[in-house]
Protein backbone atom coordinates (compact mmCIF):
# COMPACT_ATOMS: atom_id res chain seq x y z
CA MET A 1 60.72 -4.11 -72.02
CA ALA A 2 61.66 -0.72 -73.73
CA LEU A 3 65.15 -0.87 -72.16
CA LYS A 4 65.53 -5.05 -73.58
CA ARG A 5 64.72 -4.10 -76.98
CA LEU A 6 67.09 -1.09 -77.15
CA LEU A 7 69.88 -3.42 -75.79
CA TRP A 8 69.22 -5.76 -79.10
CA ALA A 9 70.02 -3.12 -81.20
CA VAL A 10 73.36 -2.85 -80.15
CA PRO A 11 74.24 -6.14 -81.64
CA THR A 12 72.08 -5.35 -84.49
CA LEU A 13 74.25 -2.09 -85.50
CA PHE A 14 77.09 -3.32 -85.13
CA GLY A 15 76.14 -6.65 -87.40
CA VAL A 16 75.22 -4.30 -89.87
CA LEU A 17 78.37 -2.35 -89.47
CA VAL A 18 80.47 -5.80 -90.24
CA VAL A 19 78.90 -6.77 -92.95
CA VAL A 20 78.71 -3.54 -95.12
CA PHE A 21 82.33 -2.80 -94.23
CA VAL A 22 83.19 -6.24 -95.40
CA LEU A 23 81.24 -6.02 -98.46
CA LEU A 24 82.37 -3.10 -99.68
CA ARG A 25 86.11 -4.00 -99.41
CA VAL A 26 85.94 -7.25 -100.95
CA THR A 27 84.33 -5.80 -104.38
CA PRO A 28 86.85 -5.16 -106.81
CA GLY A 29 87.91 -1.81 -107.87
CA ASP A 30 89.68 1.05 -106.11
CA PRO A 31 87.79 4.09 -104.92
CA ILE A 32 91.20 6.04 -104.65
CA ALA A 33 92.02 5.05 -108.13
CA MET A 34 88.55 6.12 -109.49
CA MET A 35 89.18 9.91 -107.79
CA ILE A 36 93.01 10.45 -109.02
CA GLY A 37 93.23 12.21 -112.46
CA PRO A 38 95.58 10.68 -115.10
CA GLY A 39 98.24 13.30 -114.28
CA ALA A 40 98.43 11.99 -110.62
CA THR A 41 101.84 11.12 -108.96
CA PRO A 42 102.57 7.54 -106.44
CA GLU A 43 102.83 10.15 -103.69
CA ASP A 44 99.82 11.89 -104.81
CA ILE A 45 98.01 8.41 -104.76
CA ARG A 46 100.00 7.53 -101.34
CA SER A 47 98.46 10.71 -99.70
CA LEU A 48 95.16 10.20 -100.70
CA ARG A 49 95.26 6.69 -99.21
CA ALA A 50 96.41 7.43 -96.21
CA LEU A 51 93.93 10.65 -95.72
CA TYR A 52 91.30 7.84 -96.03
CA GLY A 53 93.01 5.16 -94.19
CA PHE A 54 93.22 3.04 -96.81
CA ASP A 55 97.06 2.63 -96.58
CA ARG A 56 95.85 0.56 -92.94
CA SER A 57 95.14 -3.05 -92.55
CA LEU A 58 91.71 -3.98 -92.65
CA PRO A 59 91.36 -4.62 -88.66
CA GLU A 60 92.35 -1.21 -88.44
CA GLN A 61 90.27 0.51 -91.13
CA PHE A 62 87.82 -1.31 -89.19
CA VAL A 63 88.47 0.26 -85.88
CA LEU A 64 88.71 3.59 -86.97
CA TYR A 65 85.35 3.25 -88.50
CA LEU A 66 83.59 1.99 -85.35
CA GLY A 67 85.38 4.98 -83.80
CA GLN A 68 83.99 7.32 -86.51
CA ALA A 69 80.37 6.07 -86.12
CA ALA A 70 80.10 5.59 -82.35
CA SER A 71 81.37 9.35 -82.37
CA GLY A 72 78.60 10.24 -85.15
CA HIS A 73 81.15 11.03 -87.76
CA PHE A 74 81.42 9.25 -90.56
CA GLY A 75 84.63 10.75 -92.35
CA ASN A 76 84.14 13.19 -95.44
CA SER A 77 82.76 11.65 -98.90
CA ILE A 78 85.50 10.82 -101.33
CA THR A 79 83.25 12.68 -104.68
CA LEU A 80 81.74 15.13 -102.73
CA LYS A 81 84.42 16.35 -100.51
CA ARG A 82 82.34 17.13 -97.39
CA ASP A 83 81.49 15.67 -94.32
CA VAL A 84 79.27 12.55 -94.58
CA LEU A 85 77.16 13.40 -92.08
CA ASP A 86 76.08 16.79 -93.43
CA ILE A 87 75.34 15.14 -96.74
CA VAL A 88 72.92 12.66 -94.57
CA ARG A 89 71.27 15.94 -92.98
CA GLU A 90 70.78 17.64 -95.82
CA HIS A 91 69.46 14.70 -97.97
CA LEU A 92 67.60 12.80 -95.36
CA PRO A 93 64.75 14.78 -94.42
CA LEU A 94 63.10 14.80 -98.08
CA THR A 95 63.19 11.05 -98.04
CA ILE A 96 61.78 11.03 -94.48
CA GLU A 97 58.99 13.08 -95.65
CA LEU A 98 58.08 11.21 -98.85
CA SER A 99 58.11 7.87 -96.87
CA LEU A 100 55.71 9.07 -93.95
CA MET A 101 53.32 10.48 -96.61
CA ALA A 102 53.63 7.35 -98.72
CA LEU A 103 52.68 5.77 -95.19
CA VAL A 104 49.70 7.62 -94.41
CA ILE A 105 48.54 7.06 -98.05
CA ALA A 106 48.65 3.19 -97.52
CA VAL A 107 47.17 3.29 -93.86
CA LEU A 108 44.12 5.42 -95.32
CA LEU A 109 43.50 3.40 -98.75
CA GLY A 110 44.15 -0.05 -96.89
CA GLY A 111 42.29 0.35 -93.96
CA GLY A 112 39.40 2.20 -96.04
CA ALA A 113 39.34 -1.03 -98.45
CA ALA A 114 39.84 -3.64 -95.48
CA LEU A 115 36.46 -1.78 -93.69
CA ALA A 116 34.66 -1.28 -97.07
CA ALA A 117 35.64 -5.32 -97.82
CA VAL A 118 34.08 -6.51 -94.58
CA SER A 119 31.08 -4.06 -94.43
CA TRP A 120 29.93 -5.21 -97.58
CA ARG A 121 31.07 -9.26 -97.22
CA GLY A 122 29.55 -11.94 -99.19
CA GLY A 123 28.56 -9.36 -102.13
CA PRO A 124 30.53 -8.24 -105.25
CA ALA A 125 32.21 -5.34 -103.54
CA GLU A 126 33.93 -7.30 -101.24
CA ARG A 127 35.45 -10.08 -104.56
CA GLY A 128 36.31 -6.82 -106.44
CA ILE A 129 38.29 -5.11 -103.20
CA ASP A 130 40.00 -8.65 -103.27
CA LEU A 131 40.70 -8.83 -106.70
CA VAL A 132 42.01 -5.38 -106.90
CA ALA A 133 44.02 -6.03 -103.75
CA GLY A 134 45.79 -9.18 -105.15
CA PHE A 135 46.55 -7.24 -108.48
CA VAL A 136 47.95 -4.14 -106.84
CA THR A 137 50.37 -6.76 -104.59
CA ALA A 138 51.85 -8.32 -107.90
CA ILE A 139 53.01 -5.01 -109.07
CA PRO A 140 56.25 -3.39 -107.27
CA ASP A 141 56.37 0.21 -106.78
CA PHE A 142 59.20 1.03 -108.78
CA LEU A 143 56.60 -0.32 -111.94
CA TRP A 144 54.02 2.47 -110.47
CA GLY A 145 56.19 5.23 -110.63
CA LEU A 146 56.83 4.04 -114.20
CA ALA A 147 53.76 3.70 -115.13
CA GLY A 148 52.86 7.08 -113.42
CA ILE A 149 55.72 9.04 -115.77
CA LEU A 150 54.75 6.86 -119.20
CA PHE A 151 51.25 8.03 -118.82
CA LEU A 152 50.72 11.03 -116.68
CA GLY A 153 53.37 12.80 -117.14
CA VAL A 154 54.48 12.29 -121.30
CA LEU A 155 50.93 10.86 -122.30
CA LEU A 156 48.75 13.10 -120.26
CA PRO A 157 50.97 15.79 -118.83
CA ILE A 158 48.65 16.19 -115.72
CA VAL A 159 51.47 15.42 -112.57
CA PRO A 160 55.07 16.70 -112.82
CA VAL A 161 57.46 13.67 -112.88
CA PHE A 162 60.65 15.45 -111.87
CA GLY A 163 61.79 17.34 -109.17
CA LEU A 164 60.30 18.51 -105.82
CA LEU A 165 59.00 22.36 -107.07
CA ASP A 166 58.42 23.93 -109.98
CA SER A 167 60.94 25.90 -111.55
CA GLN A 168 59.86 29.23 -111.04
CA LEU A 169 59.88 28.73 -107.02
CA SER A 170 62.63 29.23 -104.88
CA PHE A 171 62.84 28.28 -101.73
CA ASP A 172 65.72 28.13 -99.01
CA SER A 173 64.62 25.42 -96.34
CA VAL A 174 66.72 25.60 -92.95
CA SER A 175 65.73 21.58 -92.03
CA GLY A 176 65.14 20.04 -95.32
CA PHE A 177 61.39 19.01 -94.49
CA VAL A 178 60.15 21.29 -97.53
CA LEU A 179 56.60 20.50 -96.72
CA PHE A 180 56.49 20.81 -92.98
CA GLU A 181 58.83 24.02 -92.76
CA SER A 182 56.49 25.77 -96.02
CA LEU A 183 53.34 25.35 -93.54
CA LEU A 184 54.93 26.82 -90.70
CA ARG A 185 56.81 29.99 -92.85
CA GLY A 186 53.53 30.26 -94.44
CA ARG A 187 54.65 29.51 -98.07
CA PHE A 188 51.53 27.59 -99.43
CA ASP A 189 52.34 28.11 -102.58
CA VAL A 190 55.51 26.20 -102.05
CA PHE A 191 53.74 23.55 -99.78
CA ALA A 192 51.34 23.19 -102.92
CA SER A 193 53.94 22.45 -105.44
CA ALA A 194 55.97 19.92 -103.08
CA LEU A 195 52.99 18.35 -102.20
CA TYR A 196 51.85 17.87 -106.01
CA HIS A 197 55.54 16.75 -107.04
CA LEU A 198 55.34 14.08 -104.30
CA ALA A 199 51.81 13.16 -104.66
CA TRP A 200 52.59 9.86 -107.69
CA PRO A 201 55.85 9.07 -105.83
CA ALA A 202 54.28 8.61 -102.69
CA LEU A 203 51.49 7.11 -104.29
CA SER A 204 53.69 4.46 -106.18
CA LEU A 205 55.38 3.46 -103.16
CA ALA A 206 51.86 3.23 -100.98
CA LEU A 207 49.82 1.28 -103.58
CA PRO A 208 51.87 -2.23 -102.84
CA LEU A 209 51.80 -1.57 -98.98
CA ALA A 210 47.89 -0.50 -99.08
CA ALA A 211 47.16 -3.67 -100.55
CA MET A 212 48.97 -5.75 -97.91
CA ILE A 213 47.48 -3.68 -95.09
CA ALA A 214 43.96 -4.08 -96.50
CA ARG A 215 44.61 -8.10 -96.78
CA VAL A 216 45.54 -8.68 -93.27
CA LEU A 217 43.45 -6.27 -91.47
CA LYS A 218 40.16 -7.60 -93.22
CA ALA A 219 41.59 -11.21 -92.16
CA SER A 220 41.87 -10.10 -88.74
CA LEU A 221 38.54 -7.94 -88.47
CA LEU A 222 36.73 -11.07 -89.86
CA GLU A 223 38.52 -13.03 -86.58
CA VAL A 224 37.26 -10.77 -84.43
CA LEU A 225 34.33 -10.48 -85.71
CA SER A 226 33.32 -14.01 -84.72
CA GLN A 227 34.37 -13.84 -80.87
CA ASP A 228 31.59 -13.88 -78.19
CA TYR A 229 32.15 -10.33 -77.47
CA ILE A 230 30.89 -8.96 -80.55
CA LEU A 231 27.89 -11.30 -80.35
CA ILE A 232 26.86 -9.00 -77.42
CA ALA A 233 27.30 -5.74 -78.41
CA GLN A 234 25.09 -6.66 -81.50
CA VAL A 235 22.37 -8.13 -78.77
CA LYS A 236 22.73 -4.67 -76.74
CA GLY A 237 21.82 -2.91 -80.44
CA PHE A 238 24.85 -1.68 -81.74
CA SER A 239 24.77 -0.75 -85.31
CA PRO A 240 26.45 -2.48 -87.69
CA TRP A 241 29.45 0.36 -87.73
CA GLN A 242 29.57 0.64 -84.16
CA VAL A 243 30.24 -2.73 -83.89
CA LEU A 244 32.99 -2.56 -86.56
CA TRP A 245 34.68 0.42 -85.24
CA ARG A 246 34.26 0.63 -81.53
CA GLU A 247 34.84 -3.28 -80.70
CA ALA A 248 36.51 -4.90 -83.61
CA LEU A 249 38.63 -2.53 -85.30
CA ARG A 250 40.84 -1.52 -81.97
CA ASN A 251 41.35 -5.29 -81.48
CA ALA A 252 41.70 -6.21 -85.24
CA THR A 253 44.88 -3.77 -85.57
CA GLY A 254 47.65 -5.99 -83.91
CA PRO A 255 48.49 -8.01 -87.41
CA ALA A 256 48.14 -5.00 -89.40
CA LEU A 257 49.88 -2.45 -87.26
CA THR A 258 53.13 -5.30 -87.26
CA LEU A 259 52.73 -5.70 -91.17
CA THR A 260 52.67 -1.99 -91.86
CA GLY A 261 56.24 -0.82 -89.23
CA VAL A 262 58.08 -4.17 -91.03
CA GLN A 263 56.64 -2.78 -94.58
CA PHE A 264 57.48 0.54 -93.35
CA THR A 265 61.47 -0.32 -93.24
CA PHE A 266 61.10 -1.69 -96.70
CA LEU A 267 59.15 1.45 -97.88
CA ILE A 268 62.03 3.23 -96.68
CA GLY A 269 63.92 1.45 -99.11
CA GLY A 270 62.24 1.89 -101.77
CA THR A 271 62.47 5.44 -102.01
CA VAL A 272 65.81 4.47 -103.57
CA LEU A 273 64.46 3.59 -107.00
CA ILE A 274 61.53 6.09 -106.58
CA GLU A 275 63.76 9.31 -105.80
CA ARG A 276 65.68 8.41 -108.71
CA LEU A 277 62.84 8.05 -111.11
CA PHE A 278 61.43 11.09 -110.09
CA GLY A 279 64.91 13.27 -109.75
CA LEU A 280 64.03 13.80 -106.21
CA PRO A 281 67.16 14.75 -104.29
CA GLY A 282 66.37 12.58 -101.00
CA LEU A 283 68.63 10.21 -99.14
CA GLY A 284 67.83 7.24 -101.84
CA SER A 285 69.12 8.89 -104.90
CA THR A 286 72.50 10.03 -102.76
CA ALA A 287 73.24 6.32 -102.35
CA ILE A 288 72.88 5.36 -105.88
CA ASP A 289 75.52 8.24 -106.58
CA ALA A 290 77.57 6.75 -103.92
CA VAL A 291 77.35 3.29 -105.10
CA ILE A 292 78.24 4.30 -108.58
CA ASN A 293 81.28 6.26 -107.45
CA ARG A 294 82.25 3.92 -104.79
CA ASP A 295 82.22 6.21 -102.03
CA LEU A 296 82.72 4.17 -99.59
CA PRO A 297 82.78 6.60 -96.89
CA LEU A 298 79.29 7.77 -97.87
CA ILE A 299 77.60 4.32 -98.57
CA GLN A 300 78.36 3.39 -94.97
CA GLY A 301 77.03 6.70 -93.57
CA ILE A 302 74.05 5.90 -95.72
CA VAL A 303 73.70 2.33 -95.03
CA LEU A 304 73.90 2.98 -91.15
CA THR A 305 71.65 5.74 -91.25
CA PHE A 306 68.89 3.36 -92.84
CA ALA A 307 69.94 0.59 -90.31
CA VAL A 308 69.19 3.11 -87.56
CA LEU A 309 65.92 4.23 -88.84
CA PHE A 310 65.05 0.70 -89.34
CA ILE A 311 65.53 -0.21 -85.69
CA ALA A 312 63.81 2.70 -84.35
CA VAL A 313 60.25 1.87 -87.05
CA ASN A 314 60.56 -1.51 -85.26
CA LEU A 315 61.06 -0.89 -81.75
CA ALA A 316 58.36 1.87 -81.73
CA VAL A 317 56.03 -0.73 -83.65
CA ASP A 318 56.74 -3.31 -81.13
CA LEU A 319 56.35 -1.02 -78.30
CA LEU A 320 52.53 0.67 -79.82
CA ASN A 321 51.52 -2.92 -80.11
CA ALA A 322 52.24 -3.75 -76.62
CA ARG A 323 50.47 -0.37 -75.57
CA LEU A 324 47.88 -2.06 -77.54
CA ASN A 325 47.59 -5.13 -76.66
CA PRO A 326 47.81 -5.69 -72.74
CA ARG A 327 48.57 -9.50 -73.17
CA LEU A 328 51.60 -8.24 -74.91
CA ARG A 329 53.07 -6.75 -72.19
CA THR A 330 54.00 -9.55 -70.41
């Protein structure tokens, strides 16, 4: 099954390459003209077009790009004058750390809310949790970010709203994974500062996903709790919490796990706006700069990187679902 899903990833990636390549080249504007100074000669323009391959036909450009992508080389950024892969490697770790932090928060909040609602079903606590989940779902992540900046960063300045570290701290990260690397190197001051700076951006990303997890997991738990084997467990003398944790939860996680995997890919995409709002130097913020500057090689490299991440996450969720649910293995 894993091999079959991996093979399906190939045409998916190819489709992403085709769509991005075509869209970027039919939009108005000449990226070479944007990077050329006012005193450039026609010879300078021709040299730059030849350097970045824009003097060739579209099929030739596409074949050239396919070869570069297959070899892991996306060319050089037009505006930053650096290898695109180096830029992605520099900024991607922060985006991954922010996304994983948001995912952990969403799972803890959503799972806890679902378990609480099921445990206290029929009472005001369940109705209150449902009301809060519906309210949180209706507000997108960037609005939570803006609200945090306004109320917690400006009116009540209790959380930092810009950057990754306090201004008096310096940390030369080798891998780019500041949280993980600062722990390994014993720089707990850097870890605490980075965690503090990422707390509200991660929570902003996590809240809508947590609300969806809570609603889906609650519905799945209620369905499982109506099954016959749950009644047998109750007859055996299991406490309500034992029934919920040992019998119901394991069999009810499938739909919530699938939702989490699918929404996690959108959560990664949501880092684009969140990183920009909070001044975080991740790949999402870099993507905005690339689009503004019409930096085609950098845009293509970033989009392909996100596509690979999306496919990898969905593949991992499918395999984990099959592992947890034996009925899906066939």
